[in-house]
Amino acid sequence: MNWDQIQGNWKQIKGEAQVQWGKLTDDDLDQVEGDHQKLVGKLQERYGYAKDEAEREVDEFIAKH
């Protein structure tokens, strides 16, 4: 699935993202709106990940969906 598809289906996918990353709030996920860089930034903010670690997590998540 590419990021255009992710953005189009964000309402369905954000529930799965909430399960994957429990520290992300509904407001966080609403702000992300399916945007790759915003999701990476929120993971860095909530989990203290380095940028490359956050990007790897997001890429792995998307590969599953």
PDB file of N, CA and C in Angstrom:
ATOM      1  N   MET A   1       0.854  -1.175   0.000  1.00  0.00           N
ATOM      2  CA  MET A   1       0.000   0.000   0.000  1.00  0.00           C
ATOM      3  C   MET A   1       0.897   1.235   0.000  1.00  0.00           C
ATOM      4  N   ASN A   2       0.583   2.198  -0.859  1.00  0.00           N
ATOM      5  CA  ASN A   2       1.392   3.418  -0.891  1.00  0.00           C
ATOM      6  C   ASN A   2       0.728   4.511  -0.048  1.00  0.00           C
ATOM      7  N   TRP A   3       1.427   5.625   0.078  1.00  0.00           N
ATOM      8  CA  TRP A   3       0.937   6.671   0.995  1.00  0.00           C
ATOM      9  C   TRP A   3      -0.315   7.362   0.494  1.00  0.00           C
ATOM     10  N   ASP A   4      -0.551   7.384  -0.809  1.00  0.00           N
ATOM     11  CA  ASP A   4      -1.813   7.942  -1.306  1.00  0.00           C
ATOM     12  C   ASP A   4      -2.979   7.074  -0.834  1.00  0.00           C
ATOM     13  N   GLN A   5      -2.788   5.759  -0.865  1.00  0.00           N
ATOM     14  CA  GLN A   5      -3.824   4.843  -0.394  1.00  0.00           C
ATOM     15  C   GLN A   5      -3.996   4.957   1.122  1.00  0.00           C
ATOM     16  N   ILE A   6      -2.889   5.118   1.814  1.00  0.00           N
ATOM     17  CA  ILE A   6      -2.940   5.270   3.273  1.00  0.00           C
ATOM     18  C   ILE A   6      -3.773   6.498   3.623  1.00  0.00           C
ATOM     19  N   GLN A   7      -3.486   7.614   2.964  1.00  0.00           N
ATOM     20  CA  GLN A   7      -4.233   8.839   3.259  1.00  0.00           C
ATOM     21  C   GLN A   7      -5.712   8.665   2.953  1.00  0.00           C
ATOM     22  N   GLY A   8      -6.019   7.992   1.859  1.00  0.00           N
ATOM     23  CA  GLY A   8      -7.412   7.777   1.488  1.00  0.00           C
ATOM     24  C   GLY A   8      -8.163   6.875   2.451  1.00  0.00           C
ATOM     25  N   ASN A   9      -7.445   5.965   3.089  1.00  0.00           N
ATOM     26  CA  ASN A   9      -8.058   5.005   4.010  1.00  0.00           C
ATOM     27  C   ASN A   9      -7.663   5.269   5.460  1.00  0.00           C
ATOM     28  N   TRP A  10      -7.234   6.485   5.769  1.00  0.00           N
ATOM     29  CA  TRP A  10      -6.679   6.769   7.082  1.00  0.00           C
ATOM     30  C   TRP A  10      -7.642   6.465   8.217  1.00  0.00           C
ATOM     31  N   LYS A  11      -8.917   6.734   8.039  1.00  0.00           N
ATOM     32  CA  LYS A  11      -9.876   6.491   9.120  1.00  0.00           C
ATOM     33  C   LYS A  11      -9.888   5.008   9.527  1.00  0.00           C
ATOM     34  N   GLN A  12      -9.759   4.107   8.561  1.00  0.00           N
ATOM     35  CA  GLN A  12      -9.716   2.686   8.870  1.00  0.00           C
ATOM     36  C   GLN A  12      -8.359   2.280   9.452  1.00  0.00           C
ATOM     37  N   ILE A  13      -7.294   2.822   8.920  1.00  0.00           N
ATOM     38  CA  ILE A  13      -5.948   2.429   9.308  1.00  0.00           C
ATOM     39  C   ILE A  13      -5.556   3.012  10.658  1.00  0.00           C
ATOM     40  N   LYS A  14      -6.095   4.159  11.014  1.00  0.00           N
ATOM     41  CA  LYS A  14      -5.653   4.793  12.258  1.00  0.00           C
ATOM     42  C   LYS A  14      -5.978   3.950  13.483  1.00  0.00           C
ATOM     43  N   GLY A  15      -7.030   3.139  13.437  1.00  0.00           N
ATOM     44  CA  GLY A  15      -7.323   2.230  14.543  1.00  0.00           C
ATOM     45  C   GLY A  15      -6.218   1.200  14.713  1.00  0.00           C
ATOM     46  N   GLU A  16      -5.709   0.707  13.603  1.00  0.00           N
ATOM     47  CA  GLU A  16      -4.611  -0.248  13.649  1.00  0.00           C
ATOM     48  C   GLU A  16      -3.331   0.434  14.123  1.00  0.00           C
ATOM     49  N   ALA A  17      -3.156   1.685  13.759  1.00  0.00           N
ATOM     50  CA  ALA A  17      -1.988   2.439  14.232  1.00  0.00           C
ATOM     51  C   ALA A  17      -2.082   2.651  15.738  1.00  0.00           C
ATOM     52  N   GLN A  18      -3.287   2.877  16.236  1.00  0.00           N
ATOM     53  CA  GLN A  18      -3.491   3.061  17.681  1.00  0.00           C
ATOM     54  C   GLN A  18      -3.114   1.790  18.440  1.00  0.00           C
ATOM     55  N   VAL A  19      -3.450   0.635  17.864  1.00  0.00           N
ATOM     56  CA  VAL A  19      -3.085  -0.643  18.487  1.00  0.00           C
ATOM     57  C   VAL A  19      -1.563  -0.813  18.465  1.00  0.00           C
ATOM     58  N   GLN A  20      -0.950  -0.491  17.333  1.00  0.00           N
ATOM     59  CA  GLN A  20       0.503  -0.627  17.177  1.00  0.00           C
ATOM     60  C   GLN A  20       1.266   0.302  18.126  1.00  0.00           C
ATOM     61  N   TRP A  21       0.814   1.539  18.208  1.00  0.00           N
ATOM     62  CA  TRP A  21       1.504   2.549  19.016  1.00  0.00           C
ATOM     63  C   TRP A  21       0.502   3.135  20.015  1.00  0.00           C
ATOM     64  N   GLY A  22       0.340   2.464  21.134  1.00  0.00           N
ATOM     65  CA  GLY A  22      -0.654   2.832  22.129  1.00  0.00           C
ATOM     66  C   GLY A  22      -0.468   4.211  22.751  1.00  0.00           C
ATOM     67  N   LYS A  23       0.742   4.758  22.664  1.00  0.00           N
ATOM     68  CA  LYS A  23       0.972   6.084  23.245  1.00  0.00           C
ATOM     69  C   LYS A  23       0.427   7.201  22.360  1.00  0.00           C
ATOM     70  N   LEU A  24       0.082   6.886  21.124  1.00  0.00           N
ATOM     71  CA  LEU A  24      -0.490   7.907  20.237  1.00  0.00           C
ATOM     72  C   LEU A  24      -1.966   8.065  20.565  1.00  0.00           C
ATOM     73  N   THR A  25      -2.382   9.288  20.783  1.00  0.00           N
ATOM     74  CA  THR A  25      -3.777   9.572  21.109  1.00  0.00           C
ATOM     75  C   THR A  25      -4.606   9.690  19.836  1.00  0.00           C
ATOM     76  N   ASP A  26      -5.917   9.702  20.003  1.00  0.00           N
ATOM     77  CA  ASP A  26      -6.798   9.942  18.853  1.00  0.00           C
ATOM     78  C   ASP A  26      -6.481  11.290  18.217  1.00  0.00           C
ATOM     79  N   ASP A  27      -6.213  12.288  19.057  1.00  0.00           N
ATOM     80  CA  ASP A  27      -5.863  13.615  18.527  1.00  0.00           C
ATOM     81  C   ASP A  27      -4.575  13.556  17.717  1.00  0.00           C
ATOM     82  N   ASP A  28      -3.571  12.814  18.210  1.00  0.00           N
ATOM     83  CA  ASP A  28      -2.323  12.652  17.465  1.00  0.00           C
ATOM     84  C   ASP A  28      -2.604  12.074  16.083  1.00  0.00           C
ATOM     85  N   LEU A  29      -3.398  11.018  16.058  1.00  0.00           N
ATOM     86  CA  LEU A  29      -3.673  10.338  14.794  1.00  0.00           C
ATOM     87  C   LEU A  29      -4.542  11.183  13.874  1.00  0.00           C
ATOM     88  N   ASP A  30      -5.439  11.987  14.449  1.00  0.00           N
ATOM     89  CA  ASP A  30      -6.222  12.914  13.630  1.00  0.00           C
ATOM     90  C   ASP A  30      -5.311  13.961  12.999  1.00  0.00           C
ATOM     91  N   GLN A  31      -4.315  14.422  13.731  1.00  0.00           N
ATOM     92  CA  GLN A  31      -3.373  15.416  13.202  1.00  0.00           C
ATOM     93  C   GLN A  31      -2.495  14.820  12.114  1.00  0.00           C
ATOM     94  N   VAL A  32      -2.153  13.557  12.230  1.00  0.00           N
ATOM     95  CA  VAL A  32      -1.300  12.894  11.243  1.00  0.00           C
ATOM     96  C   VAL A  32      -1.990  12.843   9.879  1.00  0.00           C
ATOM     97  N   GLU A  33      -3.280  12.546   9.869  1.00  0.00           N
ATOM     98  CA  GLU A  33      -4.084  12.502   8.638  1.00  0.00           C
ATOM     99  C   GLU A  33      -3.447  11.649   7.544  1.00  0.00           C
ATOM    100  N   GLY A  34      -2.747  10.586   7.932  1.00  0.00           N
ATOM    101  CA  GLY A  34      -2.145   9.700   6.941  1.00  0.00           C
ATOM    102  C   GLY A  34      -0.862  10.221   6.333  1.00  0.00           C
ATOM    103  N   ASP A  35      -0.303  11.278   6.869  1.00  0.00           N
ATOM    104  CA  ASP A  35       0.937  11.860   6.344  1.00  0.00           C
ATOM    105  C   ASP A  35       2.146  11.149   6.967  1.00  0.00           C
ATOM    106  N   HIS A  36       3.003  10.615   6.122  1.00  0.00           N
ATOM    107  CA  HIS A  36       4.170   9.844   6.559  1.00  0.00           C
ATOM    108  C   HIS A  36       5.049  10.633   7.522  1.00  0.00           C
ATOM    109  N   GLN A  37       5.426  11.839   7.154  1.00  0.00           N
ATOM    110  CA  GLN A  37       6.339  12.621   7.986  1.00  0.00           C
ATOM    111  C   GLN A  37       5.705  13.035   9.312  1.00  0.00           C
ATOM    112  N   LYS A  38       4.408  13.318   9.298  1.00  0.00           N
ATOM    113  CA  LYS A  38       3.727  13.666  10.547  1.00  0.00           C
ATOM    114  C   LYS A  38       3.688  12.467  11.486  1.00  0.00           C
ATOM    115  N   LEU A  39       3.473  11.278  10.931  1.00  0.00           N
ATOM    116  CA  LEU A  39       3.459  10.073  11.755  1.00  0.00           C
ATOM    117  C   LEU A  39       4.844   9.816  12.335  1.00  0.00           C
ATOM    118  N   VAL A  40       5.871   9.967  11.534  1.00  0.00           N
ATOM    119  CA  VAL A  40       7.245   9.811  12.018  1.00  0.00           C
ATOM    120  C   VAL A  40       7.503  10.803  13.152  1.00  0.00           C
ATOM    121  N   GLY A  41       7.090  12.041  12.961  1.00  0.00           N
ATOM    122  CA  GLY A  41       7.288  13.067  13.985  1.00  0.00           C
ATOM    123  C   GLY A  41       6.564  12.748  15.287  1.00  0.00           C
ATOM    124  N   LYS A  42       5.331  12.251  15.179  1.00  0.00           N
ATOM    125  CA  LYS A  42       4.576  11.902  16.387  1.00  0.00           C
ATOM    126  C   LYS A  42       5.231  10.743  17.127  1.00  0.00           C
ATOM    127  N   LEU A  43       5.766   9.776  16.387  1.00  0.00           N
ATOM    128  CA  LEU A  43       6.458   8.667  17.041  1.00  0.00           C
ATOM    129  C   LEU A  43       7.718   9.152  17.752  1.00  0.00           C
ATOM    130  N   GLN A  44       8.425  10.077  17.130  1.00  0.00           N
ATOM    131  CA  GLN A  44       9.609  10.647  17.771  1.00  0.00           C
ATOM    132  C   GLN A  44       9.210  11.369  19.056  1.00  0.00           C
ATOM    133  N   GLU A  45       8.127  12.116  18.978  1.00  0.00           N
ATOM    134  CA  GLU A  45       7.663  12.908  20.121  1.00  0.00           C
ATOM    135  C   GLU A  45       7.197  12.018  21.276  1.00  0.00           C
ATOM    136  N   ARG A  46       6.367  11.020  20.979  1.00  0.00           N
ATOM    137  CA  ARG A  46       5.763  10.195  22.034  1.00  0.00           C
ATOM    138  C   ARG A  46       6.691   9.102  22.559  1.00  0.00           C
ATOM    139  N   TYR A  47       7.521   8.552  21.676  1.00  0.00           N
ATOM    140  CA  TYR A  47       8.358   7.416  22.067  1.00  0.00           C
ATOM    141  C   TYR A  47       9.832   7.766  22.218  1.00  0.00           C
ATOM    142  N   GLY A  48      10.237   8.955  21.794  1.00  0.00           N
ATOM    143  CA  GLY A  48      11.632   9.339  21.889  1.00  0.00           C
ATOM    144  C   GLY A  48      12.519   8.642  20.876  1.00  0.00           C
ATOM    145  N   TYR A  49      11.922   8.158  19.784  1.00  0.00           N
ATOM    146  CA  TYR A  49      12.681   7.484  18.745  1.00  0.00           C
ATOM    147  C   TYR A  49      13.548   8.469  17.976  1.00  0.00           C
ATOM    148  N   ALA A  50      14.678   7.975  17.482  1.00  0.00           N
ATOM    149  CA  ALA A  50      15.451   8.719  16.494  1.00  0.00           C
ATOM    150  C   ALA A  50      14.659   8.680  15.192  1.00  0.00           C
ATOM    151  N   LYS A  51      14.932   9.631  14.310  1.00  0.00           N
ATOM    152  CA  LYS A  51      14.166   9.720  13.068  1.00  0.00           C
ATOM    153  C   LYS A  51      14.238   8.428  12.263  1.00  0.00           C
ATOM    154  N   ASP A  52      15.433   7.844  12.129  1.00  0.00           N
ATOM    155  CA  ASP A  52      15.554   6.626  11.329  1.00  0.00           C
ATOM    156  C   ASP A  52      14.800   5.455  11.961  1.00  0.00           C
ATOM    157  N   GLU A  53      14.772   5.385  13.274  1.00  0.00           N
ATOM    158  CA  GLU A  53      14.030   4.328  13.962  1.00  0.00           C
ATOM    159  C   GLU A  53      12.527   4.506  13.748  1.00  0.00           C
ATOM    160  N   ALA A  54      12.048   5.728  13.859  1.00  0.00           N
ATOM    161  CA  ALA A  54      10.625   6.005  13.641  1.00  0.00           C
ATOM    162  C   ALA A  54      10.229   5.688  12.200  1.00  0.00           C
ATOM    163  N   GLU A  55      11.065   6.060  11.249  1.00  0.00           N
ATOM    164  CA  GLU A  55      10.764   5.770   9.842  1.00  0.00           C
ATOM    165  C   GLU A  55      10.730   4.269   9.589  1.00  0.00           C
ATOM    166  N   ARG A  56      11.631   3.521  10.207  1.00  0.00           N
ATOM    167  CA  ARG A  56      11.653   2.076  10.055  1.00  0.00           C
ATOM    168  C   ARG A  56      10.363   1.469  10.600  1.00  0.00           C
ATOM    169  N   GLU A  57       9.930   1.934  11.779  1.00  0.00           N
ATOM    170  CA  GLU A  57       8.685   1.427  12.370  1.00  0.00           C
ATOM    171  C   GLU A  57       7.484   1.711  11.460  1.00  0.00           C
ATOM    172  N   VAL A  58       7.424   2.917  10.919  1.00  0.00           N
ATOM    173  CA  VAL A  58       6.319   3.277  10.033  1.00  0.00           C
ATOM    174  C   VAL A  58       6.358   2.411   8.773  1.00  0.00           C
ATOM    175  N   ASP A  59       7.539   2.229   8.206  1.00  0.00           N
ATOM    176  CA  ASP A  59       7.654   1.407   6.997  1.00  0.00           C
ATOM    177  C   ASP A  59       7.232  -0.032   7.256  1.00  0.00           C
ATOM    178  N   GLU A  60       7.612  -0.578   8.407  1.00  0.00           N
ATOM    179  CA  GLU A  60       7.210  -1.942   8.759  1.00  0.00           C
ATOM    180  C   GLU A  60       5.697  -2.039   8.950  1.00  0.00           C
ATOM    181  N   PHE A  61       5.119  -1.028   9.576  1.00  0.00           N
ATOM    182  CA  PHE A  61       3.677  -0.986   9.781  1.00  0.00           C
ATOM    183  C   PHE A  61       2.943  -0.983   8.437  1.00  0.00           C
ATOM    184  N   ILE A  62       3.415  -0.144   7.529  1.00  0.00           N
ATOM    185  CA  ILE A  62       2.759  -0.035   6.221  1.00  0.00           C
ATOM    186  C   ILE A  62       2.930  -1.305   5.415  1.00  0.00           C
ATOM    187  N   ALA A  63       4.084  -1.940   5.536  1.00  0.00           N
ATOM    188  CA  ALA A  63       4.313  -3.188   4.794  1.00  0.00           C
ATOM    189  C   ALA A  63       3.318  -4.266   5.200  1.00  0.00           C
ATOM    190  N   LYS A  64       2.845  -4.219   6.444  1.00  0.00           N
ATOM    191  CA  LYS A  64       1.865  -5.186   6.923  1.00  0.00           C
ATOM    192  C   LYS A  64       0.458  -4.892   6.411  1.00  0.00           C
ATOM    193  N   HIS A  65       0.229  -3.680   5.933  1.00  0.00           N
ATOM    194  CA  HIS A  65      -1.128  -3.281   5.546  1.00  0.00           C
ATOM    195  C   HIS A  65      -1.211  -3.001   4.101  1.00  0.00           C
TER     196      HIS A  65
END
